[in-house]
């Protein structure tokens, strides 16, 4: 099995690891699971959405009123 290094912010890694621990998973297992889904489904295994900043700004203005 090949070893891979992933660079990420320490706080992000800690937060993700804590959430994965609650699910009984470790970070390595999650990365392998996500990669297997990428290969099996031929797509990113989660939805990628560009936030609509105009709608967010409108929501904030409405909340302020």
C-alpha atoms as a PDB file:
ATOM      1  CA  UNK A   1       0.000   0.000   0.000  1.00  0.00           C
ATOM      2  CA  UNK A   2       1.292   3.450  -0.938  1.00  0.00           C
ATOM      3  CA  UNK A   3       1.683   6.244   1.615  1.00  0.00           C
ATOM      4  CA  UNK A   4       0.354   9.733   0.829  1.00  0.00           C
ATOM      5  CA  UNK A   5       0.961  13.036   2.591  1.00  0.00           C
ATOM      6  CA  UNK A   6      -1.831  15.604   2.843  1.00  0.00           C
ATOM      7  CA  UNK A   7      -1.156  19.178   3.893  1.00  0.00           C
ATOM      8  CA  UNK A   8      -3.896  21.022   5.744  1.00  0.00           C
ATOM      9  CA  UNK A   9      -4.448  23.500   8.522  1.00  0.00           C
ATOM     10  CA  UNK A  10      -3.905  21.954  11.975  1.00  0.00           C
ATOM     11  CA  UNK A  11      -7.214  23.256  13.344  1.00  0.00           C
ATOM     12  CA  UNK A  12      -9.131  21.844  10.374  1.00  0.00           C
ATOM     13  CA  UNK A  13      -7.470  18.437  10.847  1.00  0.00           C
ATOM     14  CA  UNK A  14      -8.264  18.426  14.578  1.00  0.00           C
ATOM     15  CA  UNK A  15     -11.907  19.354  14.007  1.00  0.00           C
ATOM     16  CA  UNK A  16     -12.342  16.783  11.232  1.00  0.00           C
ATOM     17  CA  UNK A  17     -10.633  14.089  13.309  1.00  0.00           C
ATOM     18  CA  UNK A  18     -12.926  14.804  16.274  1.00  0.00           C
ATOM     19  CA  UNK A  19     -16.024  14.443  14.081  1.00  0.00           C
ATOM     20  CA  UNK A  20     -14.664  11.263  12.514  1.00  0.00           C
ATOM     21  CA  UNK A  21     -13.826   9.847  15.962  1.00  0.00           C
ATOM     22  CA  UNK A  22     -17.477  10.340  16.934  1.00  0.00           C
ATOM     23  CA  UNK A  23     -18.370   8.184  13.923  1.00  0.00           C
ATOM     24  CA  UNK A  24     -15.808   5.534  14.847  1.00  0.00           C
ATOM     25  CA  UNK A  25     -13.537   6.446  11.929  1.00  0.00           C
ATOM     26  CA  UNK A  26     -10.049   7.831  11.654  1.00  0.00           C
ATOM     27  CA  UNK A  27      -8.852  10.404   9.132  1.00  0.00           C
ATOM     28  CA  UNK A  28      -7.031   7.879   6.958  1.00  0.00           C
ATOM     29  CA  UNK A  29     -10.111   5.656   6.686  1.00  0.00           C
ATOM     30  CA  UNK A  30     -12.227   8.649   5.660  1.00  0.00           C
ATOM     31  CA  UNK A  31      -9.782   9.657   2.909  1.00  0.00           C
ATOM     32  CA  UNK A  32      -9.718   6.088   1.583  1.00  0.00           C
ATOM     33  CA  UNK A  33     -13.547   5.919   1.668  1.00  0.00           C
ATOM     34  CA  UNK A  34     -13.900   9.235  -0.187  1.00  0.00           C
ATOM     35  CA  UNK A  35     -11.311   8.171  -2.770  1.00  0.00           C
ATOM     36  CA  UNK A  36     -13.046   4.829  -3.353  1.00  0.00           C
ATOM     37  CA  UNK A  37     -16.324   6.677  -3.925  1.00  0.00           C
ATOM     38  CA  UNK A  38     -14.588   9.014  -6.391  1.00  0.00           C
ATOM     39  CA  UNK A  39     -13.363   6.009  -8.375  1.00  0.00           C
ATOM     40  CA  UNK A  40     -16.648   4.058  -8.156  1.00  0.00           C
ATOM     41  CA  UNK A  41     -18.959   6.975  -8.987  1.00  0.00           C
ATOM     42  CA  UNK A  42     -16.587   8.875 -11.273  1.00  0.00           C
ATOM     43  CA  UNK A  43     -17.452  12.069  -9.383  1.00  0.00           C
ATOM     44  CA  UNK A  44     -16.635  13.959  -6.200  1.00  0.00           C
ATOM     45  CA  UNK A  45     -18.596  12.119  -3.466  1.00  0.00           C
ATOM     46  CA  UNK A  46     -20.319  15.266  -2.193  1.00  0.00           C
ATOM     47  CA  UNK A  47     -22.060  18.262  -3.718  1.00  0.00           C
ATOM     48  CA  UNK A  48     -19.957  21.273  -4.630  1.00  0.00           C
ATOM     49  CA  UNK A  49     -21.974  24.480  -4.496  1.00  0.00           C
ATOM     50  CA  UNK A  50     -20.850  28.030  -5.152  1.00  0.00           C
ATOM     51  CA  UNK A  51     -22.606  30.156  -2.526  1.00  0.00           C
ATOM     52  CA  UNK A  52     -24.912  32.840  -3.863  1.00  0.00           C
ATOM     53  CA  UNK A  53     -23.407  35.848  -2.089  1.00  0.00           C
ATOM     54  CA  UNK A  54     -26.133  38.180  -3.326  1.00  0.00           C
ATOM     55  CA  UNK A  55     -28.804  36.065  -1.653  1.00  0.00           C
ATOM     56  CA  UNK A  56     -26.758  35.918   1.557  1.00  0.00           C
ATOM     57  CA  UNK A  57     -26.429  39.712   1.562  1.00  0.00           C
ATOM     58  CA  UNK A  58     -30.180  40.095   0.988  1.00  0.00           C
ATOM     59  CA  UNK A  59     -30.896  37.680   3.850  1.00  0.00           C
ATOM     60  CA  UNK A  60     -28.661  39.690   6.191  1.00  0.00           C
ATOM     61  CA  UNK A  61     -30.424  42.921   5.247  1.00  0.00           C
ATOM     62  CA  UNK A  62     -33.834  41.349   5.844  1.00  0.00           C
ATOM     63  CA  UNK A  63     -32.721  40.064   9.248  1.00  0.00           C
ATOM     64  CA  UNK A  64     -31.502  43.543  10.191  1.00  0.00           C
ATOM     65  CA  UNK A  65     -34.933  45.090   9.482  1.00  0.00           C
END
